[in-house]
């Protein structure tokens, strides 16, 4: 598989390391696009979660010292709260096959909620697999535009995989979507045999 997708592998690695804002993988069924997206997610998280060796030791006062300090001042002090930057931040990654994403977004809108849309806009990494598998309604195009625009303006990384070619993408989503992806994502075409067919 590697001989066919070395460029795609490197493009995904750049996103994982924070050196690129996105990757857009194009290619037929079975060439390893989903496999690359999953690898990208794991590497993205691994690059951002500190290992136990990296964590600094923090000296915590003994309980008796805290009580003595409290009674010496005669005032109640505020509880100690860690600043968000002092807490280990595990990145928020959203992975969605496009059919499932559209189905969940529709259900959420009907229920008058916007939580999933918000998560897709604001998570640290958004991964959309199999773009184009869904029926492209006005709702789908508008919601996808909203999510992609938000992430583009906020410079949040996105990774997308599709079986469609450029002409089909434009027909289904319009020039606006493809121009956003072109500006923010490295587009990589993967060729090669269908590995799923070879294994069966």
N, C-alpha and C. Protein backbone atom coordinates (compact mmCIF):
# COMPACT_ATOMS: atom_id res chain seq x y z
N UNK A 1 0.82 -1.20 0.00
CA UNK A 1 0.00 0.00 0.00
C UNK A 1 0.86 1.26 0.00
N UNK A 2 2.00 1.21 0.69
CA UNK A 2 2.82 2.42 0.86
C UNK A 2 3.31 2.99 -0.46
N UNK A 3 3.63 2.10 -1.41
CA UNK A 3 4.18 2.61 -2.66
C UNK A 3 3.18 3.48 -3.42
N UNK A 4 1.88 3.29 -3.16
CA UNK A 4 0.86 4.08 -3.85
C UNK A 4 0.48 5.34 -3.08
N UNK A 5 0.68 5.37 -1.75
CA UNK A 5 0.16 6.50 -0.99
C UNK A 5 1.21 7.21 -0.16
N UNK A 6 2.47 7.19 -0.58
CA UNK A 6 3.53 7.87 0.18
C UNK A 6 3.24 9.36 0.32
N UNK A 7 2.77 10.00 -0.76
CA UNK A 7 2.48 11.44 -0.71
C UNK A 7 1.32 11.71 0.24
N UNK A 8 0.31 10.84 0.22
CA UNK A 8 -0.84 11.01 1.11
C UNK A 8 -0.42 10.79 2.56
N UNK A 9 0.43 9.81 2.78
CA UNK A 9 0.93 9.53 4.14
C UNK A 9 1.66 10.75 4.69
N UNK A 10 2.51 11.36 3.88
CA UNK A 10 3.27 12.54 4.33
C UNK A 10 2.34 13.73 4.56
N UNK A 11 1.33 13.90 3.70
CA UNK A 11 0.38 15.01 3.88
C UNK A 11 -0.39 14.84 5.20
N UNK A 12 -0.78 13.61 5.53
CA UNK A 12 -1.47 13.35 6.80
C UNK A 12 -0.54 13.59 7.98
N UNK A 13 0.73 13.18 7.84
CA UNK A 13 1.70 13.37 8.92
C UNK A 13 1.91 14.86 9.21
N UNK A 14 1.89 15.69 8.17
CA UNK A 14 2.05 17.14 8.37
C UNK A 14 0.90 17.71 9.20
N UNK A 15 -0.32 17.26 8.93
CA UNK A 15 -1.47 17.72 9.71
C UNK A 15 -1.32 17.25 11.16
N UNK A 16 -0.91 16.01 11.35
CA UNK A 16 -0.75 15.48 12.71
C UNK A 16 0.29 16.26 13.50
N UNK A 17 1.34 16.70 12.82
CA UNK A 17 2.41 17.45 13.50
C UNK A 17 2.08 18.94 13.64
N UNK A 18 0.98 19.38 13.06
CA UNK A 18 0.61 20.79 13.13
C UNK A 18 1.30 21.65 12.10
N UNK A 19 1.83 21.03 11.05
CA UNK A 19 2.56 21.76 10.01
C UNK A 19 1.67 22.10 8.81
N UNK A 20 0.43 21.62 8.81
CA UNK A 20 -0.52 21.91 7.72
C UNK A 20 -1.91 21.99 8.31
N UNK A 21 -2.78 22.74 7.62
CA UNK A 21 -4.13 22.96 8.14
C UNK A 21 -5.13 21.92 7.68
N UNK A 22 -4.74 21.08 6.74
CA UNK A 22 -5.70 20.07 6.32
C UNK A 22 -5.19 19.20 5.20
N UNK A 23 -5.93 18.12 4.98
CA UNK A 23 -5.60 17.21 3.88
C UNK A 23 -6.92 16.74 3.27
N UNK A 24 -6.91 16.64 1.94
CA UNK A 24 -8.09 16.21 1.19
C UNK A 24 -7.66 15.04 0.33
N UNK A 25 -8.09 13.83 0.69
CA UNK A 25 -7.67 12.61 0.00
C UNK A 25 -8.72 12.21 -1.03
N UNK A 26 -8.29 12.07 -2.27
CA UNK A 26 -9.18 11.66 -3.36
C UNK A 26 -8.69 10.34 -3.90
N UNK A 27 -9.61 9.44 -4.22
CA UNK A 27 -9.21 8.17 -4.81
C UNK A 27 -10.34 7.18 -4.81
N UNK A 28 -10.20 6.12 -5.59
CA UNK A 28 -11.27 5.12 -5.68
C UNK A 28 -11.41 4.32 -4.39
N UNK A 29 -12.42 3.48 -4.36
CA UNK A 29 -12.69 2.64 -3.19
C UNK A 29 -11.53 1.68 -2.95
N UNK A 30 -11.18 1.49 -1.66
CA UNK A 30 -10.25 0.43 -1.28
C UNK A 30 -8.77 0.74 -1.38
N UNK A 31 -8.39 2.03 -1.60
CA UNK A 31 -6.96 2.34 -1.74
C UNK A 31 -6.32 2.77 -0.43
N UNK A 32 -7.09 2.78 0.67
CA UNK A 32 -6.49 3.07 1.98
C UNK A 32 -6.77 4.44 2.55
N UNK A 33 -7.79 5.14 2.04
CA UNK A 33 -8.07 6.49 2.53
C UNK A 33 -8.51 6.48 4.00
N UNK A 34 -9.44 5.60 4.34
CA UNK A 34 -9.92 5.53 5.73
C UNK A 34 -8.80 5.12 6.67
N UNK A 35 -7.98 4.19 6.25
CA UNK A 35 -6.84 3.74 7.04
C UNK A 35 -5.90 4.92 7.35
N UNK A 36 -5.65 5.75 6.36
CA UNK A 36 -4.80 6.93 6.56
C UNK A 36 -5.45 7.93 7.51
N UNK A 37 -6.75 8.13 7.41
CA UNK A 37 -7.44 9.07 8.30
C UNK A 37 -7.36 8.61 9.75
N UNK A 38 -7.51 7.31 9.98
CA UNK A 38 -7.43 6.79 11.34
C UNK A 38 -6.01 6.95 11.89
N UNK A 39 -5.02 6.67 11.04
CA UNK A 39 -3.63 6.88 11.45
C UNK A 39 -3.35 8.34 11.77
N UNK A 40 -3.91 9.24 10.97
CA UNK A 40 -3.75 10.68 11.20
C UNK A 40 -4.33 11.07 12.56
N UNK A 41 -5.52 10.57 12.88
CA UNK A 41 -6.14 10.91 14.17
C UNK A 41 -5.28 10.44 15.33
N UNK A 42 -4.78 9.21 15.26
CA UNK A 42 -3.95 8.68 16.35
C UNK A 42 -2.68 9.50 16.51
N UNK A 43 -2.05 9.85 15.40
CA UNK A 43 -0.81 10.64 15.46
C UNK A 43 -1.09 12.05 15.97
N UNK A 44 -2.23 12.63 15.56
CA UNK A 44 -2.61 13.98 16.00
C UNK A 44 -2.72 14.02 17.53
N UNK A 45 -3.41 13.02 18.10
CA UNK A 45 -3.58 12.95 19.55
C UNK A 45 -2.23 12.72 20.23
N UNK A 46 -1.44 11.79 19.68
CA UNK A 46 -0.14 11.46 20.29
C UNK A 46 0.80 12.66 20.34
N UNK A 47 0.72 13.54 19.34
CA UNK A 47 1.58 14.73 19.31
C UNK A 47 1.16 15.79 20.32
N UNK A 48 -0.06 15.67 20.85
CA UNK A 48 -0.57 16.73 21.72
C UNK A 48 -0.80 16.31 23.17
N UNK A 49 -0.75 15.02 23.46
CA UNK A 49 -0.92 14.56 24.84
C UNK A 49 0.46 14.28 25.43
N UNK A 50 0.84 15.00 26.50
CA UNK A 50 2.17 14.79 27.07
C UNK A 50 2.30 13.41 27.68
N UNK A 51 3.46 12.81 27.51
CA UNK A 51 3.72 11.52 28.16
C UNK A 51 4.03 11.79 29.63
N UNK A 52 3.90 10.76 30.50
CA UNK A 52 4.19 10.97 31.93
C UNK A 52 5.59 11.52 32.17
N UNK A 53 6.55 11.19 31.30
CA UNK A 53 7.93 11.68 31.45
C UNK A 53 8.02 13.18 31.23
N UNK A 54 7.08 13.74 30.41
CA UNK A 54 7.12 15.16 30.07
C UNK A 54 6.49 16.04 31.15
N UNK A 55 5.68 15.44 32.02
CA UNK A 55 4.95 16.24 33.00
C UNK A 55 5.89 16.72 34.11
N UNK A 56 5.73 17.98 34.48
CA UNK A 56 6.54 18.53 35.56
C UNK A 56 5.92 18.15 36.90
N UNK A 57 6.78 17.90 37.89
CA UNK A 57 6.30 17.60 39.23
C UNK A 57 5.88 18.90 39.90
N UNK A 58 4.73 18.86 40.58
CA UNK A 58 4.23 20.03 41.28
C UNK A 58 4.25 19.72 42.77
N UNK A 59 4.82 20.61 43.55
CA UNK A 59 4.89 20.39 44.99
C UNK A 59 3.56 20.81 45.61
N UNK A 60 2.92 19.86 46.30
CA UNK A 60 1.64 20.11 46.96
C UNK A 60 1.89 20.23 48.46
N UNK A 61 1.45 21.34 49.10
CA UNK A 61 1.68 21.50 50.54
C UNK A 61 0.95 20.42 51.35
N UNK A 62 1.50 20.10 52.51
CA UNK A 62 0.84 19.15 53.39
C UNK A 62 -0.42 19.79 53.95
N UNK A 63 -1.38 18.95 54.37
CA UNK A 63 -2.64 19.44 54.89
C UNK A 63 -2.41 20.32 56.13
N UNK A 64 -1.49 19.92 57.02
CA UNK A 64 -1.24 20.69 58.24
C UNK A 64 -0.74 22.09 57.90
N UNK A 65 0.13 22.20 56.89
CA UNK A 65 0.64 23.51 56.47
C UNK A 65 -0.50 24.40 55.97
N UNK A 66 -1.41 23.81 55.21
CA UNK A 66 -2.55 24.58 54.70
C UNK A 66 -3.44 25.07 55.83
N UNK A 67 -3.69 24.19 56.83
CA UNK A 67 -4.53 24.57 57.97
C UNK A 67 -3.87 25.68 58.77
N UNK A 68 -2.54 25.54 59.02
CA UNK A 68 -1.80 26.57 59.78
C UNK A 68 -1.84 27.91 59.04
N UNK A 69 -1.64 27.88 57.74
CA UNK A 69 -1.66 29.10 56.93
C UNK A 69 -3.04 29.76 56.99
N UNK A 70 -4.09 28.92 56.94
CA UNK A 70 -5.47 29.41 56.97
C UNK A 70 -5.78 30.08 58.31
N UNK A 71 -5.39 29.42 59.41
CA UNK A 71 -5.70 29.98 60.74
C UNK A 71 -4.84 31.20 61.05
N UNK A 72 -3.66 31.30 60.45
CA UNK A 72 -2.79 32.47 60.69
C UNK A 72 -3.39 33.72 60.06
N UNK A 73 -4.01 33.59 58.92
CA UNK A 73 -4.59 34.76 58.25
C UNK A 73 -5.96 35.11 58.81
N UNK A 74 -6.65 34.10 59.35
CA UNK A 74 -7.98 34.35 59.90
C UNK A 74 -9.04 34.56 58.84
N UNK A 75 -8.68 34.43 57.58
CA UNK A 75 -9.65 34.62 56.49
C UNK A 75 -9.76 33.33 55.69
N UNK A 76 -10.95 33.16 55.13
CA UNK A 76 -11.13 32.01 54.26
C UNK A 76 -10.57 32.34 52.89
N UNK A 77 -9.68 31.48 52.41
CA UNK A 77 -9.11 31.74 51.08
C UNK A 77 -9.90 30.99 50.02
N UNK A 78 -9.74 31.46 48.80
CA UNK A 78 -10.41 30.82 47.68
C UNK A 78 -9.76 29.46 47.40
N UNK A 79 -10.54 28.47 46.98
CA UNK A 79 -9.92 27.19 46.64
C UNK A 79 -8.97 27.35 45.45
N UNK A 80 -7.92 26.53 45.46
CA UNK A 80 -6.95 26.58 44.37
C UNK A 80 -7.53 25.86 43.17
N UNK A 81 -7.55 26.56 42.03
CA UNK A 81 -8.08 25.97 40.81
C UNK A 81 -6.99 26.09 39.75
N UNK A 82 -6.76 24.98 39.04
CA UNK A 82 -5.76 25.01 37.98
C UNK A 82 -6.27 25.80 36.79
N UNK A 83 -5.40 26.60 36.25
CA UNK A 83 -5.69 27.30 35.00
C UNK A 83 -5.88 26.24 33.91
N UNK A 84 -6.80 26.47 32.97
CA UNK A 84 -6.99 25.47 31.90
C UNK A 84 -5.69 25.10 31.20
N UNK A 85 -4.76 26.05 31.05
CA UNK A 85 -3.50 25.75 30.37
C UNK A 85 -2.60 24.84 31.21
N UNK A 86 -2.87 24.79 32.53
CA UNK A 86 -2.05 23.94 33.40
C UNK A 86 -2.53 22.49 33.40
N UNK A 87 -3.73 22.27 32.89
CA UNK A 87 -4.25 20.91 32.83
C UNK A 87 -3.85 20.28 31.51
N UNK A 88 -3.58 18.98 31.55
CA UNK A 88 -3.24 18.27 30.31
C UNK A 88 -4.47 18.33 29.40
N UNK A 89 -4.28 18.78 28.19
CA UNK A 89 -5.40 18.93 27.27
C UNK A 89 -5.37 17.80 26.27
N UNK A 90 -6.37 16.93 26.38
CA UNK A 90 -6.49 15.89 25.37
C UNK A 90 -7.28 16.47 24.21
N UNK A 91 -6.73 16.43 23.01
CA UNK A 91 -7.41 17.08 21.89
C UNK A 91 -8.78 16.47 21.60
N UNK A 92 -9.68 17.33 21.16
CA UNK A 92 -11.01 16.89 20.77
C UNK A 92 -10.99 16.59 19.28
N UNK A 93 -11.24 15.33 18.94
CA UNK A 93 -11.23 14.89 17.54
C UNK A 93 -12.61 14.34 17.22
N UNK A 94 -13.19 14.80 16.13
CA UNK A 94 -14.47 14.29 15.65
C UNK A 94 -14.22 13.53 14.35
N UNK A 95 -14.57 12.24 14.34
CA UNK A 95 -14.46 11.42 13.13
C UNK A 95 -15.87 11.03 12.69
N UNK A 96 -16.21 11.37 11.45
CA UNK A 96 -17.56 11.09 10.96
C UNK A 96 -17.54 10.55 9.53
N UNK A 97 -18.08 9.35 9.29
CA UNK A 97 -18.45 8.99 7.92
C UNK A 97 -19.56 9.94 7.50
N UNK A 98 -19.50 10.44 6.29
CA UNK A 98 -20.41 11.51 5.87
C UNK A 98 -21.89 11.11 5.99
N UNK A 99 -22.23 9.87 5.67
CA UNK A 99 -23.63 9.43 5.78
C UNK A 99 -24.12 9.58 7.22
N UNK A 100 -23.30 9.17 8.18
CA UNK A 100 -23.69 9.26 9.59
C UNK A 100 -23.77 10.71 10.06
N UNK A 101 -22.81 11.52 9.61
CA UNK A 101 -22.80 12.93 10.01
C UNK A 101 -24.08 13.64 9.56
N UNK A 102 -24.45 13.43 8.30
CA UNK A 102 -25.65 14.08 7.76
C UNK A 102 -26.89 13.61 8.50
N UNK A 103 -26.98 12.31 8.77
CA UNK A 103 -28.12 11.75 9.48
C UNK A 103 -28.24 12.35 10.88
N UNK A 104 -27.13 12.45 11.60
CA UNK A 104 -27.14 13.00 12.96
C UNK A 104 -27.44 14.50 12.96
N UNK A 105 -26.89 15.22 11.99
CA UNK A 105 -27.16 16.66 11.90
C UNK A 105 -28.64 16.92 11.64
N UNK A 106 -29.24 16.14 10.75
CA UNK A 106 -30.68 16.30 10.45
C UNK A 106 -31.51 16.05 11.71
N UNK A 107 -31.19 14.96 12.42
CA UNK A 107 -31.94 14.62 13.64
C UNK A 107 -31.79 15.72 14.69
N UNK A 108 -30.59 16.27 14.78
CA UNK A 108 -30.32 17.31 15.76
C UNK A 108 -31.11 18.59 15.42
N UNK A 109 -31.11 18.97 14.17
CA UNK A 109 -31.83 20.18 13.75
C UNK A 109 -33.34 20.02 14.02
N UNK A 110 -33.87 18.82 13.73
CA UNK A 110 -35.30 18.57 13.99
C UNK A 110 -35.62 18.71 15.47
N UNK A 111 -34.65 18.32 16.32
CA UNK A 111 -34.86 18.40 17.77
C UNK A 111 -34.56 19.80 18.30
N UNK A 112 -34.15 20.72 17.41
CA UNK A 112 -33.86 22.09 17.82
C UNK A 112 -32.54 22.23 18.55
N UNK A 113 -31.61 21.34 18.25
CA UNK A 113 -30.30 21.38 18.90
C UNK A 113 -29.22 21.69 17.87
N UNK A 114 -28.07 22.17 18.37
CA UNK A 114 -26.95 22.50 17.47
C UNK A 114 -25.62 21.99 18.03
N UNK A 115 -25.66 21.06 18.98
CA UNK A 115 -24.45 20.63 19.65
C UNK A 115 -23.46 19.95 18.70
N UNK A 116 -23.93 19.04 17.85
CA UNK A 116 -23.03 18.34 16.93
C UNK A 116 -22.40 19.32 15.94
N UNK A 117 -23.20 20.24 15.42
CA UNK A 117 -22.66 21.24 14.50
C UNK A 117 -21.58 22.06 15.19
N UNK A 118 -21.83 22.44 16.46
CA UNK A 118 -20.84 23.21 17.22
C UNK A 118 -19.56 22.41 17.41
N UNK A 119 -19.70 21.11 17.76
CA UNK A 119 -18.51 20.27 17.96
C UNK A 119 -17.71 20.15 16.67
N UNK A 120 -18.40 20.00 15.54
CA UNK A 120 -17.70 19.89 14.25
C UNK A 120 -16.98 21.19 13.89
N UNK A 121 -17.53 22.31 14.30
CA UNK A 121 -16.89 23.59 14.00
C UNK A 121 -15.70 23.86 14.90
N UNK A 122 -15.79 23.45 16.17
CA UNK A 122 -14.80 23.91 17.15
C UNK A 122 -13.81 22.85 17.63
N UNK A 123 -13.99 21.58 17.25
CA UNK A 123 -13.06 20.54 17.73
C UNK A 123 -11.65 20.81 17.19
N UNK A 124 -10.67 20.19 17.82
CA UNK A 124 -9.27 20.39 17.43
C UNK A 124 -8.97 19.81 16.05
N UNK A 125 -9.62 18.70 15.71
CA UNK A 125 -9.45 18.10 14.39
C UNK A 125 -10.78 17.50 13.97
N UNK A 126 -11.23 17.85 12.76
CA UNK A 126 -12.44 17.26 12.19
C UNK A 126 -12.03 16.35 11.04
N UNK A 127 -12.53 15.11 11.09
CA UNK A 127 -12.23 14.12 10.04
C UNK A 127 -13.54 13.67 9.43
N UNK A 128 -13.67 13.86 8.12
CA UNK A 128 -14.87 13.43 7.39
C UNK A 128 -14.46 12.39 6.37
N UNK A 129 -15.04 11.20 6.51
CA UNK A 129 -14.73 10.09 5.60
C UNK A 129 -15.88 9.89 4.63
N UNK A 130 -15.54 9.53 3.41
CA UNK A 130 -16.53 9.17 2.40
C UNK A 130 -17.44 10.33 2.02
N UNK A 131 -16.86 11.51 1.89
CA UNK A 131 -17.61 12.67 1.42
C UNK A 131 -18.22 12.34 0.05
N UNK A 132 -19.49 12.62 -0.11
CA UNK A 132 -20.15 12.35 -1.39
C UNK A 132 -21.03 11.13 -1.36
N UNK A 133 -20.95 10.33 -0.28
CA UNK A 133 -21.78 9.13 -0.19
C UNK A 133 -23.23 9.48 0.14
N UNK A 134 -23.43 10.69 0.69
CA UNK A 134 -24.76 11.12 1.11
C UNK A 134 -25.50 11.81 -0.04
N UNK A 135 -26.81 11.96 0.12
CA UNK A 135 -27.60 12.71 -0.85
C UNK A 135 -27.39 14.19 -0.56
N UNK A 136 -26.92 14.94 -1.54
CA UNK A 136 -26.58 16.36 -1.33
C UNK A 136 -27.83 17.22 -1.48
N UNK A 137 -28.45 17.54 -0.36
CA UNK A 137 -29.59 18.45 -0.35
C UNK A 137 -29.08 19.85 -0.02
N UNK A 138 -29.97 20.84 -0.11
CA UNK A 138 -29.59 22.20 0.28
C UNK A 138 -29.14 22.23 1.73
N UNK A 139 -29.83 21.45 2.58
CA UNK A 139 -29.46 21.39 3.99
C UNK A 139 -28.02 20.92 4.16
N UNK A 140 -27.67 19.85 3.46
CA UNK A 140 -26.32 19.29 3.56
C UNK A 140 -25.29 20.31 3.10
N UNK A 141 -25.53 20.93 1.95
CA UNK A 141 -24.58 21.92 1.42
C UNK A 141 -24.42 23.10 2.36
N UNK A 142 -25.52 23.59 2.90
CA UNK A 142 -25.45 24.75 3.80
C UNK A 142 -24.71 24.41 5.09
N UNK A 143 -25.01 23.26 5.67
CA UNK A 143 -24.37 22.89 6.93
C UNK A 143 -22.89 22.60 6.73
N UNK A 144 -22.56 21.96 5.63
CA UNK A 144 -21.16 21.68 5.33
C UNK A 144 -20.40 22.99 5.09
N UNK A 145 -21.02 23.91 4.35
CA UNK A 145 -20.43 25.24 4.13
C UNK A 145 -20.16 25.93 5.46
N UNK A 146 -21.15 25.88 6.36
CA UNK A 146 -21.02 26.54 7.65
C UNK A 146 -19.84 25.97 8.45
N UNK A 147 -19.74 24.64 8.48
CA UNK A 147 -18.67 23.98 9.24
C UNK A 147 -17.31 24.29 8.63
N UNK A 148 -17.20 24.12 7.30
CA UNK A 148 -15.92 24.34 6.63
C UNK A 148 -15.49 25.80 6.72
N UNK A 149 -16.43 26.74 6.54
CA UNK A 149 -16.11 28.17 6.63
C UNK A 149 -15.59 28.53 8.02
N UNK A 150 -16.29 28.03 9.05
CA UNK A 150 -15.90 28.33 10.42
C UNK A 150 -14.47 27.85 10.68
N UNK A 151 -14.20 26.61 10.27
CA UNK A 151 -12.87 26.04 10.53
C UNK A 151 -11.81 26.77 9.70
N UNK A 152 -12.16 27.16 8.50
CA UNK A 152 -11.22 27.89 7.64
C UNK A 152 -10.84 29.22 8.27
N UNK A 153 -11.85 29.96 8.76
CA UNK A 153 -11.57 31.26 9.38
C UNK A 153 -10.79 31.12 10.69
N UNK A 154 -11.09 30.04 11.43
CA UNK A 154 -10.45 29.83 12.73
C UNK A 154 -9.14 29.04 12.61
N UNK A 155 -8.78 28.66 11.38
CA UNK A 155 -7.55 27.91 11.09
C UNK A 155 -7.46 26.62 11.90
N UNK A 156 -8.57 25.90 11.92
CA UNK A 156 -8.61 24.61 12.60
C UNK A 156 -8.49 23.49 11.56
N UNK A 157 -7.68 22.49 11.82
CA UNK A 157 -7.40 21.47 10.80
C UNK A 157 -8.60 20.57 10.49
N UNK A 158 -8.63 20.13 9.25
CA UNK A 158 -9.69 19.24 8.77
C UNK A 158 -9.05 18.20 7.84
N UNK A 159 -9.57 16.99 7.89
CA UNK A 159 -9.11 15.93 6.99
C UNK A 159 -10.35 15.31 6.35
N UNK A 160 -10.31 15.19 5.03
CA UNK A 160 -11.47 14.71 4.27
C UNK A 160 -11.02 13.64 3.29
N UNK A 161 -11.85 12.61 3.12
CA UNK A 161 -11.58 11.60 2.10
C UNK A 161 -12.83 11.41 1.25
N UNK A 162 -12.63 11.23 -0.04
CA UNK A 162 -13.76 11.06 -0.96
C UNK A 162 -13.40 10.15 -2.11
N UNK A 163 -14.42 9.50 -2.66
CA UNK A 163 -14.26 8.70 -3.88
C UNK A 163 -14.56 9.54 -5.12
N UNK A 164 -15.04 10.77 -4.93
CA UNK A 164 -15.42 11.62 -6.05
C UNK A 164 -14.19 12.23 -6.72
N UNK A 165 -14.32 12.58 -8.00
CA UNK A 165 -13.27 13.35 -8.66
C UNK A 165 -13.66 14.84 -8.60
N UNK A 166 -12.78 15.70 -9.10
CA UNK A 166 -13.02 17.16 -9.00
C UNK A 166 -14.34 17.58 -9.62
N UNK A 167 -14.64 17.04 -10.80
CA UNK A 167 -15.88 17.43 -11.49
C UNK A 167 -17.09 17.05 -10.65
N UNK A 168 -17.09 15.85 -10.09
CA UNK A 168 -18.22 15.40 -9.28
C UNK A 168 -18.36 16.22 -7.99
N UNK A 169 -17.24 16.62 -7.40
CA UNK A 169 -17.28 17.45 -6.19
C UNK A 169 -17.93 18.79 -6.50
N UNK A 170 -17.52 19.40 -7.61
CA UNK A 170 -18.08 20.71 -8.00
C UNK A 170 -19.57 20.56 -8.28
N UNK A 171 -19.96 19.51 -9.00
CA UNK A 171 -21.39 19.30 -9.31
C UNK A 171 -22.21 19.12 -8.04
N UNK A 172 -21.64 18.43 -7.07
CA UNK A 172 -22.40 18.10 -5.86
C UNK A 172 -22.40 19.22 -4.83
N UNK A 173 -21.25 19.91 -4.68
CA UNK A 173 -21.13 20.90 -3.59
C UNK A 173 -20.89 22.33 -4.07
N UNK A 174 -20.57 22.51 -5.34
CA UNK A 174 -20.33 23.85 -5.87
C UNK A 174 -18.87 24.28 -5.73
N UNK A 175 -18.54 25.37 -6.43
CA UNK A 175 -17.16 25.88 -6.44
C UNK A 175 -16.71 26.39 -5.08
N UNK A 176 -17.66 26.95 -4.32
CA UNK A 176 -17.31 27.54 -3.03
C UNK A 176 -16.63 26.52 -2.11
N UNK A 177 -17.24 25.33 -2.01
CA UNK A 177 -16.68 24.30 -1.13
C UNK A 177 -15.30 23.86 -1.60
N UNK A 178 -15.17 23.61 -2.89
CA UNK A 178 -13.89 23.11 -3.38
C UNK A 178 -12.80 24.17 -3.26
N UNK A 179 -13.17 25.46 -3.40
CA UNK A 179 -12.15 26.51 -3.26
C UNK A 179 -11.68 26.61 -1.81
N UNK A 180 -12.59 26.44 -0.84
CA UNK A 180 -12.21 26.45 0.57
C UNK A 180 -11.24 25.30 0.87
N UNK A 181 -11.59 24.11 0.36
CA UNK A 181 -10.73 22.96 0.62
C UNK A 181 -9.38 23.11 -0.07
N UNK A 182 -9.38 23.71 -1.25
CA UNK A 182 -8.12 23.90 -1.97
C UNK A 182 -7.22 24.87 -1.22
N UNK A 183 -7.82 25.91 -0.63
CA UNK A 183 -7.03 26.90 0.10
C UNK A 183 -6.48 26.36 1.41
N UNK A 184 -7.27 25.54 2.11
CA UNK A 184 -6.85 25.12 3.44
C UNK A 184 -6.28 23.71 3.51
N UNK A 185 -6.46 22.91 2.48
CA UNK A 185 -6.03 21.51 2.52
C UNK A 185 -5.06 21.18 1.39
N UNK A 186 -4.13 20.30 1.71
CA UNK A 186 -3.29 19.72 0.65
C UNK A 186 -4.10 18.61 0.00
N UNK A 187 -4.33 18.73 -1.30
CA UNK A 187 -5.12 17.74 -2.03
C UNK A 187 -4.19 16.67 -2.58
N UNK A 188 -4.51 15.41 -2.26
CA UNK A 188 -3.66 14.29 -2.69
C UNK A 188 -4.53 13.21 -3.32
N UNK A 189 -4.18 12.82 -4.54
CA UNK A 189 -4.90 11.73 -5.19
C UNK A 189 -4.15 10.43 -4.93
N UNK A 190 -4.90 9.42 -4.49
CA UNK A 190 -4.32 8.09 -4.23
C UNK A 190 -4.78 7.14 -5.33
N UNK A 191 -3.83 6.48 -5.93
CA UNK A 191 -4.15 5.46 -6.93
C UNK A 191 -3.67 4.12 -6.41
N UNK A 192 -4.06 3.07 -7.07
CA UNK A 192 -3.59 1.74 -6.65
C UNK A 192 -4.72 0.74 -6.67
N UNK A 193 -4.39 -0.51 -6.36
CA UNK A 193 -5.40 -1.57 -6.38
C UNK A 193 -6.35 -1.46 -5.19
N UNK A 194 -7.50 -2.10 -5.31
CA UNK A 194 -8.49 -2.16 -4.23
C UNK A 194 -8.01 -3.24 -3.25
N UNK A 195 -7.47 -2.83 -2.10
CA UNK A 195 -6.91 -3.77 -1.14
C UNK A 195 -7.99 -4.64 -0.49
N UNK A 196 -9.20 -4.11 -0.39
CA UNK A 196 -10.30 -4.90 0.17
C UNK A 196 -10.61 -6.06 -0.77
N UNK A 197 -10.63 -5.80 -2.08
CA UNK A 197 -10.92 -6.85 -3.06
C UNK A 197 -9.80 -7.88 -3.06
N UNK A 198 -8.54 -7.43 -2.91
CA UNK A 198 -7.39 -8.34 -2.91
C UNK A 198 -7.43 -9.29 -1.72
N UNK A 199 -7.94 -8.78 -0.55
CA UNK A 199 -7.95 -9.62 0.65
C UNK A 199 -9.05 -10.65 0.64
N UNK A 200 -10.10 -10.43 -0.16
CA UNK A 200 -11.24 -11.37 -0.16
C UNK A 200 -11.05 -12.51 -1.15
